[in-house]
N, C-alpha and C. Protein backbone atom coordinates (compact mmCIF):
# COMPACT_ATOMS: atom_id res chain seq x y z
N MET A 1 150.23 115.46 109.15
CA MET A 1 150.81 114.29 107.77
C MET A 1 149.78 113.16 108.45
N LYS A 2 150.45 112.27 107.28
CA LYS A 2 149.29 111.22 106.74
C LYS A 2 149.82 109.90 106.75
N MET A 3 149.69 109.14 107.69
CA MET A 3 151.14 108.04 107.51
C MET A 3 150.26 106.38 108.16
N GLY A 4 150.38 105.79 107.24
CA GLY A 4 150.13 104.36 106.89
C GLY A 4 151.63 103.40 107.07
N PHE A 5 151.27 102.43 106.62
CA PHE A 5 152.36 101.99 106.41
C PHE A 5 152.02 101.07 104.98
N HIS A 6 153.76 100.75 104.62
CA HIS A 6 153.66 100.63 103.03
C HIS A 6 153.46 99.56 102.41
N HIS A 7 155.71 98.94 103.05
CA HIS A 7 156.04 97.32 103.42
C HIS A 7 157.22 97.11 104.48
N ALA A 8 157.67 95.86 104.67
CA ALA A 8 158.45 95.93 105.03
C ALA A 8 159.10 94.63 103.96
N ALA A 9 161.28 94.68 104.27
CA ALA A 9 161.46 94.70 103.26
C ALA A 9 162.69 93.00 103.66
N ILE A 10 163.24 92.04 102.88
CA ILE A 10 163.85 91.53 103.59
C ILE A 10 164.60 91.19 102.45
N ASN A 11 165.98 90.62 102.79
CA ASN A 11 166.91 89.76 102.30
C ASN A 11 166.58 88.41 102.58
N ALA A 12 166.55 87.82 101.25
CA ALA A 12 166.42 85.76 101.08
C ALA A 12 167.86 85.59 100.91
N ALA A 13 167.07 84.01 101.32
CA ALA A 13 168.62 83.07 101.16
C ALA A 13 168.71 82.76 99.72
N ASP A 14 167.35 83.08 98.44
CA ASP A 14 166.79 82.22 98.22
C ASP A 14 165.69 83.17 97.87
N PHE A 15 166.38 83.38 97.15
CA PHE A 15 164.94 84.66 96.41
C PHE A 15 164.01 83.83 95.22
N ASP A 16 163.78 83.19 94.13
CA ASP A 16 163.30 82.55 93.61
C ASP A 16 162.32 80.85 94.57
N LYS A 17 162.35 81.01 95.79
CA LYS A 17 162.27 80.27 96.52
C LYS A 17 161.45 81.16 97.99
N THR A 18 161.90 81.77 97.67
CA THR A 18 161.17 83.07 98.95
C THR A 18 159.56 84.08 98.20
N VAL A 19 159.28 84.24 97.31
CA VAL A 19 158.56 84.90 95.90
C VAL A 19 157.72 83.67 96.01
N ALA A 20 157.89 82.52 95.61
CA ALA A 20 157.73 81.46 95.34
C ALA A 20 156.12 81.11 96.44
N PHE A 21 156.74 80.93 97.44
CA PHE A 21 156.32 80.60 99.15
C PHE A 21 155.08 81.63 99.45
N TYR A 22 155.67 83.41 99.12
CA TYR A 22 154.81 84.40 100.08
C TYR A 22 153.19 84.02 98.21
N VAL A 23 154.24 84.22 97.47
CA VAL A 23 152.93 83.85 96.28
C VAL A 23 151.79 82.68 96.00
N ASN A 24 153.03 82.10 95.33
CA ASN A 24 152.15 80.38 95.51
C ASN A 24 150.77 79.43 97.13
N ALA A 25 152.06 79.49 97.87
CA ALA A 25 151.61 79.16 99.89
C ALA A 25 150.71 80.11 101.11
N LEU A 26 150.69 81.12 100.30
CA LEU A 26 150.24 82.49 100.91
C LEU A 26 149.36 83.62 99.61
N GLY A 27 149.32 83.28 99.38
CA GLY A 27 149.34 84.05 97.71
C GLY A 27 149.13 85.40 98.13
N PHE A 28 149.56 85.77 98.10
CA PHE A 28 150.40 86.91 98.32
C PHE A 28 150.73 87.72 96.08
N LYS A 29 150.87 89.09 95.74
CA LYS A 29 150.71 88.46 94.38
C LYS A 29 151.59 90.09 94.45
N PRO A 30 151.89 89.30 92.71
CA PRO A 30 153.32 90.35 91.98
C PRO A 30 152.91 91.16 92.37
N VAL A 31 153.07 93.27 92.37
CA VAL A 31 153.37 94.54 92.14
C VAL A 31 154.12 94.42 91.17
N ARG A 32 155.68 95.10 91.11
CA ARG A 32 155.78 95.16 91.11
C ARG A 32 157.51 94.10 90.60
N ASP A 33 158.96 93.82 89.62
CA ASP A 33 159.75 93.73 90.02
C ASP A 33 161.08 94.36 88.97
N TRP A 34 162.16 94.57 89.51
CA TRP A 34 163.17 95.58 89.35
C TRP A 34 164.04 94.76 88.74
N SER A 35 164.54 93.27 89.41
CA SER A 35 165.60 92.30 89.10
C SER A 35 166.45 93.18 87.96
N THR A 36 168.02 92.70 88.48
CA THR A 36 169.01 92.64 87.41
C THR A 36 170.03 92.03 86.96
N PRO A 37 170.51 92.02 86.14
CA PRO A 37 171.62 90.32 86.62
C PRO A 37 172.42 90.55 87.93
N GLU A 38 172.46 90.79 88.45
CA GLU A 38 173.36 90.92 89.95
C GLU A 38 172.80 91.03 91.09
N LYS A 39 171.00 91.47 90.92
CA LYS A 39 170.80 91.34 92.15
C LYS A 39 169.19 91.31 91.51
N LYS A 40 168.83 90.62 93.01
CA LYS A 40 167.42 90.54 92.24
C LYS A 40 166.29 91.62 93.69
N ALA A 41 165.28 92.32 93.08
CA ALA A 41 164.13 92.90 94.14
C ALA A 41 162.73 93.17 93.80
N CYS A 42 161.78 92.90 94.49
CA CYS A 42 160.80 93.35 94.17
C CYS A 42 159.73 93.24 95.13
N MET A 43 158.35 93.49 94.88
CA MET A 43 157.74 93.74 96.23
C MET A 43 156.14 93.78 95.87
N ILE A 44 155.46 92.63 96.08
CA ILE A 44 154.85 91.68 96.50
C ILE A 44 153.85 91.92 97.72
N ASP A 45 151.76 91.68 96.87
CA ASP A 45 150.36 92.47 98.11
C ASP A 45 150.81 91.57 98.69
N ILE A 46 150.34 92.49 100.10
CA ILE A 46 150.00 91.09 101.28
C ILE A 46 149.12 91.10 101.22
N GLY A 47 148.39 91.36 100.48
CA GLY A 47 146.20 91.73 101.00
C GLY A 47 145.51 92.48 101.36
N ASP A 48 146.31 93.73 101.49
CA ASP A 48 145.53 94.29 102.49
C ASP A 48 146.35 96.02 102.05
N GLY A 49 147.11 96.21 100.37
CA GLY A 49 147.92 97.24 100.03
C GLY A 49 149.20 97.11 100.87
N GLY A 50 149.38 96.81 101.80
CA GLY A 50 150.63 96.22 102.09
C GLY A 50 151.42 96.44 101.88
N MET A 51 152.59 95.74 100.80
CA MET A 51 153.30 95.34 100.70
C MET A 51 154.63 94.78 101.57
N LEU A 52 155.87 93.31 100.46
CA LEU A 52 156.59 92.27 101.45
C LEU A 52 157.96 92.96 100.54
N GLU A 53 158.63 93.16 100.40
CA GLU A 53 159.55 94.41 99.40
C GLU A 53 161.16 93.47 99.63
N ILE A 54 161.71 91.80 98.35
CA ILE A 54 162.61 90.58 99.36
C ILE A 54 163.38 90.99 97.57
N PHE A 55 164.69 91.06 98.82
CA PHE A 55 165.59 91.47 97.59
C PHE A 55 166.38 90.02 97.90
N SER A 56 167.49 89.72 96.74
CA SER A 56 168.79 88.33 96.70
C SER A 56 169.33 89.15 97.44
N GLY A 57 170.55 88.45 98.06
CA GLY A 57 171.81 88.27 98.96
C GLY A 57 171.68 88.13 100.20
N GLY A 58 170.13 87.24 100.22
CA GLY A 58 170.87 87.21 102.27
C GLY A 58 171.46 85.50 102.41
N ASP A 59 171.33 85.71 103.51
CA ASP A 59 171.84 84.29 104.04
C ASP A 59 171.33 83.86 105.49
N THR A 60 171.67 82.49 105.14
CA THR A 60 170.62 81.79 105.68
C THR A 60 171.50 81.64 107.52
N LEU A 61 172.20 81.80 107.08
CA LEU A 61 173.36 82.41 109.08
C LEU A 61 173.45 84.28 109.20
N ILE A 62 172.36 84.95 108.51
CA ILE A 62 172.34 85.56 109.13
C ILE A 62 171.34 85.77 110.79
N PRO A 63 171.52 86.43 112.15
CA PRO A 63 170.37 86.21 113.15
C PRO A 63 169.29 86.29 112.53
N GLU A 64 167.81 86.33 113.48
CA GLU A 64 167.22 86.12 112.76
C GLU A 64 166.28 87.63 112.67
N GLN A 65 167.48 88.78 113.75
CA GLN A 65 167.11 90.22 114.00
C GLN A 65 167.31 90.65 113.12
N GLU A 66 168.33 90.32 111.76
CA GLU A 66 168.78 91.22 111.31
C GLU A 66 168.19 90.61 109.74
N LYS A 67 167.08 89.23 109.84
CA LYS A 67 166.64 89.18 108.44
C LYS A 67 165.44 90.64 107.95
N TRP A 68 165.26 90.89 108.21
CA TRP A 68 164.74 91.90 108.54
C TRP A 68 165.41 93.52 107.64
N LEU A 69 164.67 94.33 106.47
CA LEU A 69 165.73 94.85 106.25
C LEU A 69 165.32 96.64 107.25
N HIS A 70 164.15 96.88 106.92
CA HIS A 70 163.24 98.35 107.10
C HIS A 70 161.44 98.27 107.55
N ILE A 71 161.90 99.04 107.82
CA ILE A 71 159.36 98.55 107.90
C ILE A 71 159.68 100.24 107.27
N ALA A 72 158.36 100.56 106.46
CA ALA A 72 158.81 101.10 105.31
C ALA A 72 157.51 102.09 105.12
N LEU A 73 156.55 103.29 105.98
CA LEU A 73 156.14 104.22 106.06
C LEU A 73 155.42 104.26 104.75
N SER A 74 154.29 104.79 104.54
CA SER A 74 153.41 105.32 103.66
C SER A 74 152.35 106.63 104.07
N CYS A 75 153.17 107.90 103.88
CA CYS A 75 153.22 109.54 104.08
C CYS A 75 152.56 109.97 102.93
N ASP A 76 151.82 111.25 102.92
CA ASP A 76 151.86 111.66 101.95
C ASP A 76 153.04 113.85 101.74
N ASP A 77 154.59 113.30 103.44
CA ASP A 77 155.21 114.44 103.52
C ASP A 77 156.11 114.21 103.87
N PRO A 78 157.16 112.78 102.93
CA PRO A 78 158.97 112.54 104.00
C PRO A 78 159.62 113.20 104.34
N ASP A 79 159.58 114.80 103.95
CA ASP A 79 160.04 115.77 104.87
C ASP A 79 159.46 115.75 105.91
N ALA A 80 158.22 116.08 106.26
CA ALA A 80 157.95 116.32 107.54
C ALA A 80 158.45 115.29 108.70
N ALA A 81 157.96 114.26 108.23
CA ALA A 81 157.89 112.75 108.82
C ALA A 81 159.23 112.34 109.28
N TYR A 82 160.44 112.64 108.47
CA TYR A 82 161.68 113.08 108.68
C TYR A 82 162.13 113.64 109.46
N GLU A 83 161.85 115.16 109.65
CA GLU A 83 162.17 115.76 110.19
C GLU A 83 160.96 115.72 112.05
N ALA A 84 160.82 115.12 111.72
CA ALA A 84 159.57 115.06 113.45
C ALA A 84 160.76 114.08 113.80
N ALA A 85 161.04 112.78 113.21
CA ALA A 85 161.50 112.31 113.42
C ALA A 85 162.77 112.53 114.32
N LEU A 86 163.69 113.19 113.12
CA LEU A 86 164.27 114.11 113.98
C LEU A 86 164.26 114.50 115.21
N ALA A 87 163.46 114.91 115.50
CA ALA A 87 162.91 115.59 116.04
C ALA A 87 162.87 115.50 117.72
N ALA A 88 162.92 113.89 117.63
CA ALA A 88 162.08 113.47 118.82
C ALA A 88 162.92 111.34 119.09
N GLY A 89 163.93 112.37 118.39
CA GLY A 89 166.05 110.70 118.76
C GLY A 89 166.30 110.05 117.83
N ALA A 90 165.25 110.27 116.95
CA ALA A 90 166.01 109.33 115.58
C ALA A 90 167.25 109.76 115.34
N THR A 91 167.91 109.45 114.04
CA THR A 91 169.10 110.19 113.88
C THR A 91 168.93 109.08 112.20
N SER A 92 169.64 110.47 111.29
CA SER A 92 169.73 110.34 110.35
C SER A 92 170.28 109.44 109.10
N HIS A 93 169.82 108.16 108.73
CA HIS A 93 170.24 107.43 107.72
C HIS A 93 169.84 107.74 106.20
N ILE A 94 169.80 108.78 105.58
CA ILE A 94 169.04 108.73 105.03
C ILE A 94 168.40 110.26 104.30
N PRO A 95 168.40 111.45 104.46
CA PRO A 95 167.98 112.62 104.49
C PRO A 95 166.22 112.70 102.79
N PRO A 96 165.38 113.03 103.17
CA PRO A 96 164.69 113.18 101.98
C PRO A 96 165.24 113.06 100.18
N LYS A 97 165.18 112.09 100.07
CA LYS A 97 164.82 112.49 98.39
C LYS A 97 164.60 112.15 97.06
N ASP A 98 164.24 112.65 96.17
CA ASP A 98 163.38 111.93 94.91
C ASP A 98 163.97 111.01 93.76
N PHE A 99 163.39 109.38 94.37
CA PHE A 99 163.89 108.54 93.44
C PHE A 99 163.79 107.67 92.16
N VAL A 100 163.68 107.00 91.08
CA VAL A 100 162.59 107.23 90.42
C VAL A 100 163.17 104.56 90.23
N ILE A 101 161.90 103.83 90.64
CA ILE A 101 162.96 103.00 91.40
C ILE A 101 162.12 102.12 90.22
N GLN A 102 163.21 101.80 88.88
CA GLN A 102 163.39 101.75 87.96
C GLN A 102 162.56 99.40 87.46
N ALA A 103 161.46 100.16 87.39
CA ALA A 103 160.87 98.96 86.84
C ALA A 103 160.53 98.66 86.01
N GLU A 104 158.86 97.49 85.95
CA GLU A 104 158.44 97.31 84.87
C GLU A 104 158.19 98.67 83.95
N THR A 105 157.01 99.25 85.09
CA THR A 105 156.44 100.40 85.11
C THR A 105 157.61 101.34 86.50
N PRO A 106 158.52 102.17 85.88
CA PRO A 106 158.76 102.81 86.66
C PRO A 106 157.73 104.16 88.04
N LEU A 107 158.42 103.53 89.10
CA LEU A 107 157.84 104.46 89.51
C LEU A 107 158.88 105.63 91.06
N PRO A 108 158.39 106.39 90.28
CA PRO A 108 159.14 107.87 90.98
C PRO A 108 158.07 107.93 92.67
N VAL A 109 159.00 107.71 93.46
CA VAL A 109 159.00 108.20 94.63
C VAL A 109 159.89 108.70 95.17
N ARG A 110 159.53 110.03 96.49
CA ARG A 110 160.69 111.34 97.10
C ARG A 110 160.14 109.79 98.90
N LEU A 111 161.18 109.73 99.69
CA LEU A 111 161.65 108.59 100.73
C LEU A 111 162.78 109.05 101.41
N ALA A 112 162.24 108.88 102.51
CA ALA A 112 163.53 109.67 103.74
C ALA A 112 163.61 108.15 104.53
N PHE A 113 165.12 108.13 105.48
CA PHE A 113 165.29 107.08 106.03
C PHE A 113 165.65 106.86 107.67
N VAL A 114 165.13 107.19 108.10
CA VAL A 114 165.97 106.95 110.00
C VAL A 114 165.99 106.51 110.92
N ARG A 115 167.33 105.49 111.50
CA ARG A 115 166.67 104.98 112.31
C ARG A 115 166.79 105.20 114.09
N GLY A 116 165.41 104.98 114.03
CA GLY A 116 164.44 104.86 115.36
C GLY A 116 165.08 104.84 116.80
N LEU A 117 165.40 104.44 116.85
CA LEU A 117 164.94 105.10 119.13
C LEU A 117 166.38 103.93 119.66
N ASN A 118 165.58 102.37 118.78
CA ASN A 118 165.89 101.54 119.24
C ASN A 118 167.62 100.17 117.90
N GLY A 119 167.67 101.81 116.75
CA GLY A 119 168.76 101.14 115.61
C GLY A 119 167.46 100.68 114.57
N GLU A 120 166.22 100.84 115.15
CA GLU A 120 165.89 100.28 113.58
C GLU A 120 165.51 101.09 113.18
N LEU A 121 165.68 100.15 111.34
CA LEU A 121 165.57 101.43 110.69
C LEU A 121 164.53 101.80 109.37
N LEU A 122 163.90 102.54 109.89
CA LEU A 122 162.41 103.26 108.97
C LEU A 122 162.50 103.88 108.20
N GLU A 123 162.38 103.83 106.72
CA GLU A 123 161.72 104.07 105.49
C GLU A 123 160.14 105.09 105.45
N PHE A 124 160.71 107.03 105.18
CA PHE A 124 159.01 107.70 104.91
C PHE A 124 159.02 107.48 103.51
N PHE A 125 157.94 106.63 102.73
CA PHE A 125 158.23 106.04 101.67
C PHE A 125 156.38 107.31 101.40
N HIS A 126 156.91 107.92 99.70
CA HIS A 126 155.57 108.15 98.97
C HIS A 126 156.39 108.46 98.02
N GLU A 127 154.42 107.26 97.21
CA GLU A 127 154.62 107.43 95.93
C GLU A 127 154.08 108.77 95.23
N LYS A 128 154.57 109.23 94.38
CA LYS A 128 154.43 110.92 93.30
C LYS A 128 153.61 110.26 92.71
């Protein structure tokens, strides 16, 4: 099973300022946006193919260790990664499923989530 880093996700207290910071100050490139009137969401390329996923709805009062939502690992077989993680002691959060991210260009993916041994949320992510 081949795996690598895909993205980390955060909840932003000020979505627009957060995106502007990463794009304007650090030079990251917007890749896709699937914002709705109720919730803003996007992915930006951090420069080496890895992504930062940003969601609106964060709060500056949230403790530092709770600002990060999950770490996503790019893999060729999310089902196998999910099963291997469970066999090694992780717990299921979302079993493998197909999903289409409704961005400017819809992105079909297969994904699964587990809680790691320290409670961290890991996503196994495969772009179809």
